[in-house]
C-alpha atoms as a PDB file:
ATOM      1  CA  MET A   1      96.287  94.608  74.612  1.00  0.00           C
ATOM      2  CA  ILE A   2      97.335  98.400  76.032  1.00  0.00           C
ATOM      3  CA  ARG A   3      94.999  98.733  78.228  1.00  0.00           C
ATOM      4  CA  ILE A   4      94.992 103.521  78.341  1.00  0.00           C
ATOM      5  CA  VAL A   5      92.869 105.976  80.729  1.00  0.00           C
ATOM      6  CA  ILE A   6      92.544 109.043  78.992  1.00  0.00           C
ATOM      7  CA  ALA A   7      92.908 112.856  81.197  1.00  0.00           C
ATOM      8  CA  ASP A   8      91.758 115.786  79.682  1.00  0.00           C
ATOM      9  CA  ASP A   9      88.999 118.060  80.730  1.00  0.00           C
ATOM     10  CA  GLN A  10      87.343 118.874  78.111  1.00  0.00           C
ATOM     11  CA  ALA A  11      84.664 116.036  76.715  1.00  0.00           C
ATOM     12  CA  LEU A  12      85.536 117.029  73.228  1.00  0.00           C
ATOM     13  CA  VAL A  13      88.898 115.901  72.892  1.00  0.00           C
ATOM     14  CA  ARG A  14      88.329 113.233  75.247  1.00  0.00           C
ATOM     15  CA  GLY A  15      86.052 111.856  72.617  1.00  0.00           C
ATOM     16  CA  GLY A  16      88.270 112.601  69.792  1.00  0.00           C
ATOM     17  CA  PHE A  17      91.118 110.532  71.610  1.00  0.00           C
ATOM     18  CA  ARG A  18      89.271 108.099  72.001  1.00  0.00           C
ATOM     19  CA  MET A  19      87.650 107.326  68.706  1.00  0.00           C
ATOM     20  CA  ILE A  20      91.480 107.421  67.196  1.00  0.00           C
ATOM     21  CA  LEU A  21      92.697 105.334  69.577  1.00  0.00           C
ATOM     22  CA  GLU A  22      89.679 102.208  69.508  1.00  0.00           C
ATOM     23  CA  ALA A  23      89.942 102.411  65.909  1.00  0.00           C
ATOM     24  CA  GLN A  24      93.521 100.251  66.666  1.00  0.00           C
ATOM     25  CA  LYS A  25      93.261  97.132  67.082  1.00  0.00           C
ATOM     26  CA  ASP A  26      95.931  96.100  69.829  1.00  0.00           C
ATOM     27  CA  ILE A  27      94.882  99.265  71.596  1.00  0.00           C
ATOM     28  CA  GLU A  28      91.634  99.813  74.610  1.00  0.00           C
ATOM     29  CA  VAL A  29      90.078 102.744  76.417  1.00  0.00           C
ATOM     30  CA  VAL A  30      89.467 101.522  79.989  1.00  0.00           C
ATOM     31  CA  GLY A  31      88.601 104.814  80.946  1.00  0.00           C
ATOM     32  CA  GLU A  32      88.023 108.520  80.861  1.00  0.00           C
ATOM     33  CA  ALA A  33      88.902 110.960  83.825  1.00  0.00           C
ATOM     34  CA  ALA A  34      87.879 115.044  83.713  1.00  0.00           C
ATOM     35  CA  ASN A  35      90.583 116.106  86.297  1.00  0.00           C
ATOM     36  CA  GLY A  36      93.776 115.067  88.031  1.00  0.00           C
ATOM     37  CA  LYS A  37      91.777 113.665  90.833  1.00  0.00           C
ATOM     38  CA  GLN A  38      89.883 111.414  89.101  1.00  0.00           C
ATOM     39  CA  VAL A  39      92.065 109.713  87.098  1.00  0.00           C
ATOM     40  CA  LEU A  40      94.483 108.634  90.417  1.00  0.00           C
ATOM     41  CA  ALA A  41      90.654 107.267  92.082  1.00  0.00           C
ATOM     42  CA  ILE A  42      90.622 105.485  88.177  1.00  0.00           C
ATOM     43  CA  ALA A  43      94.208 104.153  87.676  1.00  0.00           C
ATOM     44  CA  ARG A  44      94.151 102.910  90.863  1.00  0.00           C
ATOM     45  CA  GLU A  45      90.841 100.813  90.028  1.00  0.00           C
ATOM     46  CA  LEU A  46      91.060  99.850  86.738  1.00  0.00           C
ATOM     47  CA  LYS A  47      95.364  99.479  86.418  1.00  0.00           C
ATOM     48  CA  PRO A  48      95.615 101.094  82.736  1.00  0.00           C
ATOM     49  CA  ASP A  49      99.253 100.462  81.051  1.00  0.00           C
ATOM     50  CA  VAL A  50      99.150 104.001  79.876  1.00  0.00           C
ATOM     51  CA  VAL A  51      97.666 107.469  80.937  1.00  0.00           C
ATOM     52  CA  LEU A  52      97.718 110.058  78.382  1.00  0.00           C
ATOM     53  CA  MET A  53      97.420 113.203  80.606  1.00  0.00           C
ATOM     54  CA  ASP A  54      97.019 116.432  79.851  1.00  0.00           C
ATOM     55  CA  ILE A  55      98.769 119.087  82.096  1.00  0.00           C
ATOM     56  CA  ARG A  56      95.822 121.849  82.546  1.00  0.00           C
ATOM     57  CA  MET A  57      92.802 120.042  84.627  1.00  0.00           C
ATOM     58  CA  PRO A  58      90.694 121.546  87.268  1.00  0.00           C
ATOM     59  CA  GLU A  59      91.271 120.561  90.653  1.00  0.00           C
ATOM     60  CA  MET A  60      94.620 118.650  90.284  1.00  0.00           C
ATOM     61  CA  ASP A  61      96.757 119.767  87.515  1.00  0.00           C
ATOM     62  CA  GLY A  62      98.230 116.587  85.292  1.00  0.00           C
ATOM     63  CA  LEU A  63     102.607 116.950  87.001  1.00  0.00           C
ATOM     64  CA  GLU A  64     101.174 116.626  90.232  1.00  0.00           C
ATOM     65  CA  ALA A  65      98.610 113.494  89.157  1.00  0.00           C
ATOM     66  CA  THR A  66     101.343 112.527  87.240  1.00  0.00           C
ATOM     67  CA  ARG A  67     103.916 112.344  90.259  1.00  0.00           C
ATOM     68  CA  ARG A  68     101.661 110.580  92.028  1.00  0.00           C
ATOM     69  CA  LEU A  69     100.835 108.130  89.402  1.00  0.00           C
ATOM     70  CA  VAL A  70     105.023 107.012  89.006  1.00  0.00           C
ATOM     71  CA  ASP A  71     105.184 106.782  92.793  1.00  0.00           C
ATOM     72  CA  SER A  72     102.501 103.985  93.039  1.00  0.00           C
ATOM     73  CA  PRO A  73     103.079 100.383  92.924  1.00  0.00           C
ATOM     74  CA  GLU A  74     102.784  99.457  89.236  1.00  0.00           C
ATOM     75  CA  ALA A  75     102.582 102.665  88.252  1.00  0.00           C
ATOM     76  CA  PRO A  76     100.939 103.172  84.573  1.00  0.00           C
ATOM     77  CA  ARG A  77     103.323 105.415  81.780  1.00  0.00           C
ATOM     78  CA  VAL A  78     102.282 108.496  81.673  1.00  0.00           C
ATOM     79  CA  LEU A  79     102.243 110.269  78.013  1.00  0.00           C
ATOM     80  CA  MET A  80     101.587 114.214  78.611  1.00  0.00           C
ATOM     81  CA  LEU A  81      99.321 116.025  76.056  1.00  0.00           C
ATOM     82  CA  THR A  82      99.560 119.541  75.817  1.00  0.00           C
ATOM     83  CA  THR A  83      97.911 122.690  73.735  1.00  0.00           C
ATOM     84  CA  PHE A  84     101.313 124.561  75.139  1.00  0.00           C
ATOM     85  CA  ASP A  85     104.470 124.520  73.041  1.00  0.00           C
ATOM     86  CA  LEU A  86     106.308 125.911  76.075  1.00  0.00           C
ATOM     87  CA  ASN A  87     109.224 124.339  77.583  1.00  0.00           C
ATOM     88  CA  GLU A  88     108.685 124.815  81.185  1.00  0.00           C
ATOM     89  CA  TYR A  89     105.846 122.273  80.399  1.00  0.00           C
ATOM     90  CA  VAL A  90     108.152 119.587  79.092  1.00  0.00           C
ATOM     91  CA  TYR A  91     110.616 120.065  81.780  1.00  0.00           C
ATOM     92  CA  GLU A  92     108.304 119.732  84.854  1.00  0.00           C
ATOM     93  CA  ALA A  93     106.741 116.718  82.755  1.00  0.00           C
ATOM     94  CA  MET A  94     109.953 115.376  82.690  1.00  0.00           C
ATOM     95  CA  LYS A  95     110.695 115.825  86.095  1.00  0.00           C
ATOM     96  CA  SER A  96     107.899 114.396  87.237  1.00  0.00           C
ATOM     97  CA  GLY A  97     107.230 111.429  85.821  1.00  0.00           C
ATOM     98  CA  ALA A  98     106.360 111.199  82.471  1.00  0.00           C
ATOM     99  CA  SER A  99     107.530 108.839  79.876  1.00  0.00           C
ATOM    100  CA  GLY A 100     106.382 111.389  76.389  1.00  0.00           C
ATOM    101  CA  PHE A 101     105.649 114.531  75.853  1.00  0.00           C
ATOM    102  CA  LEU A 102     103.382 115.007  72.364  1.00  0.00           C
ATOM    103  CA  LEU A 103     101.107 118.532  71.373  1.00  0.00           C
ATOM    104  CA  LYS A 104      97.520 118.043  70.925  1.00  0.00           C
ATOM    105  CA  ASP A 105      97.727 118.425  67.442  1.00  0.00           C
ATOM    106  CA  VAL A 106     100.136 115.397  66.906  1.00  0.00           C
ATOM    107  CA  ARG A 107      98.447 113.357  63.776  1.00  0.00           C
ATOM    108  CA  PRO A 108      96.424 110.290  64.908  1.00  0.00           C
ATOM    109  CA  GLU A 109      99.167 107.892  63.828  1.00  0.00           C
ATOM    110  CA  GLN A 110     101.450 109.490  65.883  1.00  0.00           C
ATOM    111  CA  LEU A 111      99.308 109.126  68.819  1.00  0.00           C
ATOM    112  CA  ALA A 112      98.624 105.768  68.866  1.00  0.00           C
ATOM    113  CA  ASP A 113     102.677 104.963  67.550  1.00  0.00           C
ATOM    114  CA  ALA A 114     103.296 107.147  70.854  1.00  0.00           C
ATOM    115  CA  VAL A 115     101.221 105.060  72.740  1.00  0.00           C
ATOM    116  CA  ARG A 116     102.971 101.825  71.700  1.00  0.00           C
ATOM    117  CA  THR A 117     105.827 103.228  72.516  1.00  0.00           C
ATOM    118  CA  VAL A 118     105.612 104.421  75.831  1.00  0.00           C
ATOM    119  CA  ALA A 119     103.788 101.100  76.639  1.00  0.00           C
ATOM    120  CA  ALA A 120     106.568  99.173  75.890  1.00  0.00           C
ATOM    121  CA  GLY A 121     108.880 100.897  78.324  1.00  0.00           C
ATOM    122  CA  ASP A 122     110.277 103.515  75.993  1.00  0.00           C
ATOM    123  CA  SER A 123     110.731 106.930  75.838  1.00  0.00           C
ATOM    124  CA  LEU A 124     108.556 110.003  73.501  1.00  0.00           C
ATOM    125  CA  LEU A 125     113.133 111.601  73.171  1.00  0.00           C
ATOM    126  CA  ALA A 126     113.628 112.486  69.728  1.00  0.00           C
ATOM    127  CA  PRO A 127     111.456 115.486  69.279  1.00  0.00           C
ATOM    128  CA  ALA A 128     112.997 118.801  68.975  1.00  0.00           C
ATOM    129  CA  ILE A 129     110.457 119.793  71.854  1.00  0.00           C
ATOM    130  CA  THR A 130     112.714 117.752  73.934  1.00  0.00           C
ATOM    131  CA  ARG A 131     116.231 118.899  72.896  1.00  0.00           C
ATOM    132  CA  ARG A 132     114.864 122.648  73.007  1.00  0.00           C
ATOM    133  CA  LEU A 133     113.830 122.409  76.817  1.00  0.00           C
ATOM    134  CA  ILE A 134     116.960 120.334  78.086  1.00  0.00           C
ATOM    135  CA  GLU A 135     119.150 123.748  76.241  1.00  0.00           C
ATOM    136  CA  GLU A 136     117.376 125.500  77.882  1.00  0.00           C
ATOM    137  CA  PHE A 137     116.261 124.482  81.073  1.00  0.00           C
ATOM    138  CA  VAL A 138     118.991 122.375  82.159  1.00  0.00           C
ATOM    139  CA  ARG A 139     122.345 124.325  81.245  1.00  0.00           C
ATOM    140  CA  ARG A 140     124.104 123.431  84.329  1.00  0.00           C
ATOM    141  CA  PRO A 141     124.120 121.822  87.755  1.00  0.00           C
ATOM    142  CA  PRO A 142     122.536 124.113  90.312  1.00  0.00           C
ATOM    143  CA  PRO A 143     124.451 125.372  92.966  1.00  0.00           C
ATOM    144  CA  GLY A 144     125.894 123.450  95.834  1.00  0.00           C
ATOM    145  CA  GLN A 145     124.420 120.423  93.643  1.00  0.00           C
ATOM    146  CA  ALA A 146     127.051 117.753  93.571  1.00  0.00           C
ATOM    147  CA  ARG A 147     127.330 114.808  90.556  1.00  0.00           C
ATOM    148  CA  PRO A 148     125.736 111.680  92.059  1.00  0.00           C
ATOM    149  CA  PRO A 149     128.300 109.742  93.594  1.00  0.00           C
ATOM    150  CA  ALA A 150     126.240 106.472  91.112  1.00  0.00           C
ATOM    151  CA  LEU A 151     127.538 107.870  87.704  1.00  0.00           C
ATOM    152  CA  ASP A 152     131.592 106.953  89.344  1.00  0.00           C
ATOM    153  CA  GLU A 153     129.765 103.173  89.483  1.00  0.00           C
ATOM    154  CA  LEU A 154     129.239 103.652  85.612  1.00  0.00           C
ATOM    155  CA  THR A 155     132.398 102.205  83.088  1.00  0.00           C
ATOM    156  CA  GLU A 156     133.709 105.115  80.246  1.00  0.00           C
ATOM    157  CA  ARG A 157     131.404 103.046  77.826  1.00  0.00           C
ATOM    158  CA  GLU A 158     128.653 103.230  79.793  1.00  0.00           C
ATOM    159  CA  LEU A 159     129.354 107.634  80.158  1.00  0.00           C
ATOM    160  CA  GLU A 160     129.651 107.383  77.065  1.00  0.00           C
ATOM    161  CA  VAL A 161     126.363 105.771  75.837  1.00  0.00           C
ATOM    162  CA  LEU A 162     124.437 107.779  78.938  1.00  0.00           C
ATOM    163  CA  LYS A 163     126.551 110.952  77.187  1.00  0.00           C
ATOM    164  CA  HIS A 164     124.455 109.692  73.458  1.00  0.00           C
ATOM    165  CA  MET A 165     120.814 109.091  75.335  1.00  0.00           C
ATOM    166  CA  ALA A 166     121.625 112.950  76.461  1.00  0.00           C
ATOM    167  CA  GLY A 167     121.677 113.707  73.064  1.00  0.00           C
ATOM    168  CA  GLY A 168     118.318 112.394  72.561  1.00  0.00           C
ATOM    169  CA  ALA A 169     119.845 109.344  69.916  1.00  0.00           C
ATOM    170  CA  SER A 170     118.211 106.038  69.972  1.00  0.00           C
ATOM    171  CA  ASN A 171     120.018 102.381  70.364  1.00  0.00           C
ATOM    172  CA  GLY A 172     120.653 101.824  66.789  1.00  0.00           C
ATOM    173  CA  GLU A 173     122.625 105.358  66.493  1.00  0.00           C
ATOM    174  CA  ILE A 174     124.231 104.550  69.625  1.00  0.00           C
ATOM    175  CA  ALA A 175     125.015 101.297  68.592  1.00  0.00           C
ATOM    176  CA  SER A 176     126.223 103.142  64.850  1.00  0.00           C
ATOM    177  CA  ALA A 177     127.990 106.211  67.068  1.00  0.00           C
ATOM    178  CA  LEU A 178     130.270 103.311  68.922  1.00  0.00           C
ATOM    179  CA  TYR A 179     130.586 100.801  66.568  1.00  0.00           C
ATOM    180  CA  LEU A 180     128.946  98.357  68.790  1.00  0.00           C
ATOM    181  CA  SER A 181     126.013  95.280  67.728  1.00  0.00           C
ATOM    182  CA  GLU A 182     121.940  97.114  69.204  1.00  0.00           C
ATOM    183  CA  ALA A 183     121.691  94.307  71.349  1.00  0.00           C
ATOM    184  CA  THR A 184     125.090  95.518  73.458  1.00  0.00           C
ATOM    185  CA  VAL A 185     123.935  98.870  73.656  1.00  0.00           C
ATOM    186  CA  LYS A 186     120.791  97.385  75.065  1.00  0.00           C
ATOM    187  CA  THR A 187     122.477  95.572  77.627  1.00  0.00           C
ATOM    188  CA  HIS A 188     124.438  98.920  78.540  1.00  0.00           C
ATOM    189  CA  VAL A 189     121.537 100.792  78.906  1.00  0.00           C
ATOM    190  CA  SER A 190     120.074  98.274  81.231  1.00  0.00           C
ATOM    191  CA  ARG A 191     122.861  98.714  83.060  1.00  0.00           C
ATOM    192  CA  ILE A 192     122.712 102.596  83.689  1.00  0.00           C
ATOM    193  CA  PHE A 193     119.133 102.485  84.254  1.00  0.00           C
ATOM    194  CA  MET A 194     120.140  99.873  87.690  1.00  0.00           C
ATOM    195  CA  LYS A 195     123.303 101.528  88.602  1.00  0.00           C
ATOM    196  CA  LEU A 196     121.374 104.804  88.791  1.00  0.00           C
ATOM    197  CA  ASP A 197     118.327 103.711  89.800  1.00  0.00           C
ATOM    198  CA  LEU A 198     116.761 104.665  87.009  1.00  0.00           C
ATOM    199  CA  ARG A 199     112.991 103.936  85.300  1.00  0.00           C
ATOM    200  CA  ASP A 200     113.908 104.352  81.643  1.00  0.00           C
ATOM    201  CA  ARG A 201     115.941 107.358  79.446  1.00  0.00           C
ATOM    202  CA  VAL A 202     113.945 110.490  80.480  1.00  0.00           C
ATOM    203  CA  GLN A 203     115.805 110.426  83.977  1.00  0.00           C
ATOM    204  CA  ALA A 204     119.198 109.080  82.773  1.00  0.00           C
ATOM    205  CA  VAL A 205     118.070 112.392  80.490  1.00  0.00           C
ATOM    206  CA  VAL A 206     117.533 114.574  82.874  1.00  0.00           C
ATOM    207  CA  LEU A 207     120.132 113.309  85.523  1.00  0.00           C
ATOM    208  CA  ALA A 208     122.906 113.754  83.255  1.00  0.00           C
ATOM    209  CA  TYR A 209     122.895 117.333  82.166  1.00  0.00           C
ATOM    210  CA  GLU A 210     121.639 117.979  85.782  1.00  0.00           C
ATOM    211  CA  SER A 211     124.774 116.874  87.340  1.00  0.00           C
ATOM    212  CA  GLY A 212     127.022 118.619  84.863  1.00  0.00           C
ATOM    213  CA  LEU A 213     127.520 114.735  82.727  1.00  0.00           C
ATOM    214  CA  VAL A 214     126.952 116.740  79.518  1.00  0.00           C
ATOM    215  CA  GLN A 215     126.342 120.188  78.449  1.00  0.00           C
ATOM    216  CA  PRO A 216     124.237 121.556  76.472  1.00  0.00           C
ATOM    217  CA  GLY A 217     125.466 121.786  73.006  1.00  0.00           C
ATOM    218  CA  GLY A 218     128.521 119.508  73.766  1.00  0.00           C
END
């Protein structure tokens, strides 16, 4: 059973999400929060698997709450939800440690699938909104930012896999492109995470672009 906490300042929105998710046999909503401070307290107490996090909330916004959540022991996965289709929010959500980003007009079945995806340890990188934010906000390394030394520990094959991940490719798509089995790709991905001290694909994508390993459109 996937345990969920819903964080949104609108009770009507929380109720709608609860109704959608509790209709699923494998998902249980264990708590609700109306602001960032509440969600931190509830997450510490209830230890959910996933937090559905609104970005704009009073007292503490969802970005700051996410940063604090992912730094805690046994951190839950965070799925950001917003009505604002703005690239800077998506980028900041990724930088904060969120595992996925969805607009609130997502279809019910997509919401449930997104929860399952992040609960399983994967990240939502396929949507066009994610590729668009990378194109716009991570064009070149900031001045003075050096290439992380850990990148030199990757093999040529691991570098290839990382570049494909940065383009939003799934393990299956990477396997097809590099003529590898999906199991082999999964092994390469795990090694990349370990060598670069990364939590998930979101962090891998951000690192690949910010370090200059991949250029937008490349």
